[in-house]
């Protein structure tokens, strides 16, 4: 089963993706984690990506699409399925992803938006920053707020793109973590793919 989790920074996509990975056996593909791993390895592309991420900006489409395409072609991912977290981030990326997956005859079974209230999310981000001394450079409250603005301007337009084709589903991202997991499970467990891969 292949799914895409949508939602602004700080909404909990990463946490939920990890839970879904454990429950259903899919591979969690976090674009941010992949790019940070490249940065830690000291590659030229990785260092460029780190500088962009630290500013709270978006990594260029060609760099991100190349990384994702390479990963989804991995034999393990083709077998287990994937959870995309943090990609696509622009309508162009969404269109390119659709094109590539169509060519490779790979389906996305669920595209799920974790819908949040922006004002409440800002408050959550500020609390997280205060409680997380020594966090990554891009995890301070101001940078995360900037990332939310970028999300609103460049990523949120993907939602109507997916909605027009009837593929967009939503959960309440402001609910408690366990409640969000329950909502996601209710969606996924109606999938034949989830029933085949669940423990």
Protein backbone atom coordinates (compact mmCIF):
# COMPACT_ATOMS: atom_id res chain seq x y z
CA UNK A 1 0.00 0.00 0.00
CA UNK A 2 1.28 3.45 -0.93
CA UNK A 3 0.09 6.62 0.79
CA UNK A 4 0.84 10.34 0.89
CA UNK A 5 0.47 12.32 4.12
CA UNK A 6 -0.21 16.04 3.64
CA UNK A 7 -0.18 18.83 6.20
CA UNK A 8 1.91 21.82 7.35
CA UNK A 9 5.13 21.56 9.38
CA UNK A 10 4.40 20.78 13.01
CA UNK A 11 1.13 18.93 12.35
CA UNK A 12 2.57 15.55 13.33
CA UNK A 13 3.01 13.86 9.93
CA UNK A 14 6.32 12.31 10.93
CA UNK A 15 4.95 10.83 14.14
CA UNK A 16 1.93 9.36 12.39
CA UNK A 17 4.03 8.05 9.50
CA UNK A 18 6.23 6.16 11.96
CA UNK A 19 3.17 4.62 13.59
CA UNK A 20 1.71 3.57 10.24
CA UNK A 21 5.05 2.12 9.20
CA UNK A 22 5.16 -0.03 12.32
CA UNK A 23 1.54 -1.16 12.02
CA UNK A 24 1.31 -1.87 8.30
CA UNK A 25 4.90 -2.60 7.29
CA UNK A 26 5.23 0.18 4.72
CA UNK A 27 8.48 2.15 4.33
CA UNK A 28 8.39 5.71 5.69
CA UNK A 29 9.97 8.08 3.17
CA UNK A 30 10.57 11.47 4.78
CA UNK A 31 12.09 13.84 2.25
CA UNK A 32 13.56 15.92 5.06
CA UNK A 33 15.27 12.89 6.62
CA UNK A 34 16.66 11.79 3.24
CA UNK A 35 18.08 15.25 2.57
CA UNK A 36 19.52 15.57 6.08
CA UNK A 37 21.20 12.17 5.66
CA UNK A 38 22.80 13.45 2.46
CA UNK A 39 23.92 16.58 4.33
CA UNK A 40 25.43 14.48 7.14
CA UNK A 41 27.34 12.50 4.51
CA UNK A 42 28.84 15.80 3.33
CA UNK A 43 27.79 15.46 -0.29
CA UNK A 44 27.57 18.63 -2.36
CA UNK A 45 23.83 18.17 -2.94
CA UNK A 46 23.32 17.36 0.73
CA UNK A 47 25.08 20.49 1.94
CA UNK A 48 23.09 22.61 -0.53
CA UNK A 49 19.89 21.00 0.71
CA UNK A 50 20.83 21.60 4.36
CA UNK A 51 21.39 25.30 3.75
CA UNK A 52 18.01 25.55 2.03
CA UNK A 53 16.21 23.61 4.77
CA UNK A 54 17.84 25.69 7.52
CA UNK A 55 16.39 28.83 5.90
CA UNK A 56 12.95 27.21 5.92
CA UNK A 57 12.78 27.27 2.13
CA UNK A 58 11.88 24.50 -0.33
CA UNK A 59 14.52 22.33 -1.96
CA UNK A 60 14.35 22.58 -5.79
CA UNK A 61 11.98 20.21 -7.56
CA UNK A 62 14.60 18.44 -9.62
CA UNK A 63 16.67 17.55 -6.53
CA UNK A 64 13.72 16.23 -4.55
CA UNK A 65 12.04 14.38 -7.41
CA UNK A 66 15.30 12.62 -8.23
CA UNK A 67 15.71 11.43 -4.65
CA UNK A 68 12.12 10.18 -4.37
CA UNK A 69 12.14 8.39 -7.73
CA UNK A 70 15.37 6.63 -6.80
CA UNK A 71 13.92 5.52 -3.48
CA UNK A 72 10.55 4.24 -4.74
CA UNK A 73 12.35 2.09 -7.30
CA UNK A 74 14.05 0.20 -4.46
CA UNK A 75 12.98 -3.46 -4.44
CA UNK A 76 12.04 -3.41 -0.74
CA UNK A 77 9.80 -0.38 -1.20
CA UNK A 78 8.14 -1.85 -4.30
CA UNK A 79 7.30 -4.91 -2.20
CA UNK A 80 6.25 -3.25 1.06
CA UNK A 81 4.77 0.04 -0.17
CA UNK A 82 5.62 3.53 1.00
CA UNK A 83 4.46 6.47 3.09
CA UNK A 84 5.47 9.81 1.56
CA UNK A 85 5.91 12.46 4.25
CA UNK A 86 6.97 15.93 3.09
CA UNK A 87 6.57 15.22 -0.61
CA UNK A 88 5.13 16.43 -2.90
CA UNK A 89 5.50 20.05 -1.78
CA UNK A 90 4.41 21.85 -4.94
CA UNK A 91 1.81 21.22 -7.63
CA UNK A 92 4.65 20.68 -10.10
CA UNK A 93 6.08 17.96 -7.86
CA UNK A 94 2.63 16.37 -7.52
CA UNK A 95 2.21 16.33 -11.29
CA UNK A 96 5.70 14.87 -11.79
CA UNK A 97 5.04 12.23 -9.16
CA UNK A 98 1.79 11.23 -10.85
CA UNK A 99 3.58 10.99 -14.20
CA UNK A 100 6.44 8.87 -12.85
CA UNK A 101 4.19 6.52 -10.91
CA UNK A 102 1.88 6.12 -13.91
CA UNK A 103 4.85 5.16 -16.09
CA UNK A 104 5.97 2.62 -13.50
CA UNK A 105 2.41 1.38 -12.89
CA UNK A 106 2.61 2.23 -9.20
CA UNK A 107 -0.60 3.35 -7.50
CA UNK A 108 -1.09 5.76 -4.60
CA UNK A 109 -3.88 4.20 -2.57
CA UNK A 110 -4.55 7.06 -0.12
CA UNK A 111 -3.74 10.78 -0.09
CA UNK A 112 -4.58 12.05 3.40
CA UNK A 113 -4.54 15.63 4.65
CA UNK A 114 -3.91 16.16 8.36
CA UNK A 115 -6.08 19.28 8.66
CA UNK A 116 -5.10 21.77 11.38
CA UNK A 117 -6.05 25.17 12.72
CA UNK A 118 -3.15 27.48 11.89
CA UNK A 119 -3.39 29.67 15.01
CA UNK A 120 -3.47 26.62 17.27
CA UNK A 121 -0.58 25.12 15.33
CA UNK A 122 1.53 28.25 15.91
CA UNK A 123 0.92 27.89 19.65
CA UNK A 124 1.90 24.21 19.49
CA UNK A 125 5.11 25.06 17.62
CA UNK A 126 6.10 27.69 20.19
CA UNK A 127 5.57 25.20 23.02
CA UNK A 128 7.64 22.59 21.18
CA UNK A 129 10.49 25.05 20.62
CA UNK A 130 10.52 26.02 24.30
CA UNK A 131 10.60 22.37 25.38
CA UNK A 132 13.23 21.22 22.86
CA UNK A 133 16.57 22.74 23.81
CA UNK A 134 19.27 21.87 21.30
CA UNK A 135 16.85 20.96 18.53
CA UNK A 136 17.75 21.10 14.82
CA UNK A 137 18.43 24.61 13.47
CA UNK A 138 15.20 24.51 11.48
CA UNK A 139 13.12 23.59 14.53
CA UNK A 140 13.00 27.01 16.17
CA UNK A 141 9.62 28.66 16.31
CA UNK A 142 10.30 31.48 13.85
CA UNK A 143 11.70 29.21 11.16
CA UNK A 144 8.81 26.79 11.57
CA UNK A 145 6.36 29.67 11.24
CA UNK A 146 8.12 30.67 8.02
CA UNK A 147 7.84 27.08 6.80
CA UNK A 148 4.10 27.17 7.46
CA UNK A 149 3.80 30.33 5.36
CA UNK A 150 5.74 28.58 2.58
CA UNK A 151 3.43 25.57 2.95
CA UNK A 152 0.34 27.79 2.69
CA UNK A 153 1.63 29.53 -0.44
CA UNK A 154 3.32 26.67 -2.31
CA UNK A 155 2.11 23.33 -0.93
CA UNK A 156 -1.53 23.90 0.06
CA UNK A 157 -2.53 24.36 -3.63
CA UNK A 158 -1.82 20.62 -4.04
CA UNK A 159 -4.91 19.86 -1.95
CA UNK A 160 -7.44 21.05 -4.56
CA UNK A 161 -5.30 19.34 -7.24
CA UNK A 162 -5.85 16.00 -5.49
CA UNK A 163 -9.44 16.84 -4.48
CA UNK A 164 -10.47 17.43 -8.11
CA UNK A 165 -9.61 13.83 -8.90
CA UNK A 166 -11.51 12.58 -5.84
CA UNK A 167 -8.36 11.27 -4.17
CA UNK A 168 -8.09 13.57 -1.13
CA UNK A 169 -9.14 12.32 2.32
CA UNK A 170 -8.86 14.25 5.59
CA UNK A 171 -8.36 13.65 9.30
CA UNK A 172 -8.43 16.08 12.23
CA UNK A 173 -4.75 16.84 12.78
CA UNK A 174 -5.50 18.87 15.93
CA UNK A 175 -6.80 15.82 17.79
CA UNK A 176 -4.68 13.95 20.33
CA UNK A 177 -1.92 11.82 18.79
CA UNK A 178 -3.69 8.52 19.51
CA UNK A 179 -6.95 9.88 18.10
CA UNK A 180 -5.23 10.92 14.86
CA UNK A 181 -3.75 7.42 14.60
CA UNK A 182 -7.23 5.95 15.05
CA UNK A 183 -8.62 8.19 12.29
CA UNK A 184 -5.85 7.17 9.92
CA UNK A 185 -6.33 3.51 10.75
CA UNK A 186 -10.05 3.77 10.01
CA UNK A 187 -9.19 5.01 6.51
CA UNK A 188 -6.43 2.53 5.79
CA UNK A 189 -8.14 -0.53 7.17
CA UNK A 190 -10.86 -0.17 4.55
CA UNK A 191 -8.17 -0.80 1.93
CA UNK A 192 -7.64 -4.32 0.59
CA UNK A 193 -3.91 -3.50 0.59
CA UNK A 194 -3.94 -2.74 4.32
CA UNK A 195 -5.77 -5.97 5.11
CA UNK A 196 -3.11 -7.94 3.24
CA UNK A 197 -0.18 -6.27 5.00
CA UNK A 198 -1.57 -5.85 8.54
CA UNK A 199 -0.23 -8.19 11.21
